[in-house]
Amino acid sequence: MTLQRLVDQDRAEIRFRLDGRELAARQGDTLLTAILAAGEGWLRESEFGDGPRAGFCLMGACQDCWVSVEGLGRVCACTTLVAAGLEVRRS
C-alpha cells in the first residue's frame, strides 16, 4: 500500500532512515504515515503467517505498528512523530 499525499505538501521535508535506507517525510508526519507515503507498504510480518502488516487501529492501542527507534526502543509508528535523523527498524 502506498499513500498519496493530497494536502500539506508545503510542509518542510525531513529525512530519516528505515532499515538503513534514507527516506523523506514531511514535518508533522507520524512514522507510520512517513513510511507508507514513502512507498514502504509494510511495517512487520504477521506472527500468524498471514503476510505483512501496516498498522490496524491507527491510534496506538493495538501494537500492530511497533517499530524500533534508536534511543527510544519500541514505539507505535502511528503515534510517534518522525524527526530528522531518526534511525528506525521494523520490529
Protein backbone atom coordinates (compact mmCIF):
# COMPACT_ATOMS: atom_id res chain seq x y z
CA MET A 1 0.00 0.00 0.00
CA THR A 2 1.31 3.44 -0.94
CA LEU A 3 -0.35 6.54 0.40
CA GLN A 4 -0.70 9.56 -1.82
CA ARG A 5 -0.29 12.90 -0.08
CA LEU A 6 -3.14 15.21 -1.05
CA VAL A 7 -2.58 18.11 1.34
CA ASP A 8 0.24 19.64 3.38
CA GLN A 9 2.77 19.22 0.59
CA ASP A 10 4.30 22.55 1.56
CA ARG A 11 5.47 21.32 4.98
CA ALA A 12 9.24 21.05 5.36
CA GLU A 13 10.82 17.84 4.11
CA ILE A 14 12.89 15.90 6.62
CA ARG A 15 15.00 12.75 6.25
CA PHE A 16 15.11 9.65 8.42
CA ARG A 17 16.38 6.09 7.97
CA LEU A 18 14.35 2.89 7.83
CA ASP A 19 16.33 -0.34 7.97
CA GLY A 20 19.42 1.59 6.88
CA ARG A 21 17.82 3.32 3.88
CA GLU A 22 17.19 7.06 3.82
CA LEU A 23 13.57 8.11 3.30
CA ALA A 24 11.87 11.50 3.03
CA ALA A 25 8.96 12.62 5.20
CA ARG A 26 7.16 15.87 5.94
CA GLN A 27 7.41 17.74 9.23
CA GLY A 28 4.47 16.64 11.40
CA ASP A 29 4.11 13.14 9.87
CA THR A 30 3.84 10.15 12.12
CA LEU A 31 6.31 7.36 11.45
CA LEU A 32 3.50 5.24 10.01
CA THR A 33 2.44 7.99 7.58
CA ALA A 34 6.05 8.67 6.56
CA ILE A 35 6.85 5.00 5.98
CA LEU A 36 3.70 4.25 3.98
CA ALA A 37 3.88 7.52 1.99
CA ALA A 38 7.49 6.69 1.05
CA GLY A 39 6.27 3.53 -0.67
CA GLU A 40 7.19 1.10 2.07
CA GLY A 41 3.96 -0.89 2.22
CA TRP A 42 4.52 -2.73 5.48
CA LEU A 43 5.95 -2.48 8.99
CA ARG A 44 6.29 -6.09 10.08
CA GLU A 45 5.46 -9.67 9.19
CA SER A 46 2.47 -11.16 10.95
CA GLU A 47 3.33 -13.71 13.59
CA PHE A 48 0.30 -15.68 12.45
CA GLY A 49 1.56 -16.19 8.91
CA ASP A 50 -0.97 -14.03 7.08
CA GLY A 51 1.59 -11.71 5.48
CA PRO A 52 2.94 -8.22 6.01
CA ARG A 53 1.22 -5.79 8.35
CA ALA A 54 0.94 -1.99 8.12
CA GLY A 55 -0.97 -1.00 11.22
CA PHE A 56 -4.50 -1.70 12.37
CA CYS A 57 -6.12 0.74 14.81
CA LEU A 58 -4.08 3.86 13.88
CA MET A 59 -4.43 5.26 17.40
CA GLY A 60 -1.74 3.43 19.39
CA ALA A 61 -3.93 0.82 21.06
CA CYS A 62 -3.29 -2.40 19.12
CA GLN A 63 0.53 -2.66 18.98
CA ASP A 64 0.33 -3.74 15.33
CA CYS A 65 2.64 -0.96 14.08
CA TRP A 66 5.50 -1.21 16.54
CA VAL A 67 8.94 -0.29 15.22
CA SER A 68 12.28 0.15 16.96
CA VAL A 69 13.77 3.64 17.10
CA GLU A 70 17.38 4.12 18.12
CA GLY A 71 17.45 5.75 21.55
CA LEU A 72 13.71 5.25 22.16
CA GLY A 73 13.22 1.49 21.89
CA ARG A 74 9.94 0.08 20.61
CA VAL A 75 7.31 2.67 19.73
CA CYS A 76 3.96 2.73 17.96
CA ALA A 77 4.60 4.15 14.49
CA CYS A 78 1.06 5.54 14.29
CA THR A 79 1.52 7.83 17.30
CA THR A 80 5.22 8.73 17.06
CA LEU A 81 6.20 11.80 15.06
CA VAL A 82 9.04 11.42 12.61
CA ALA A 83 12.09 13.58 13.25
CA ALA A 84 15.13 14.35 11.15
CA GLY A 85 17.86 11.76 11.57
CA LEU A 86 15.78 9.07 13.28
CA GLU A 87 17.11 5.53 12.83
CA VAL A 88 14.08 3.22 12.57
CA ARG A 89 14.00 -0.55 12.24
CA ARG A 90 10.99 -2.70 11.51
CA SER A 91 10.25 -4.81 14.55
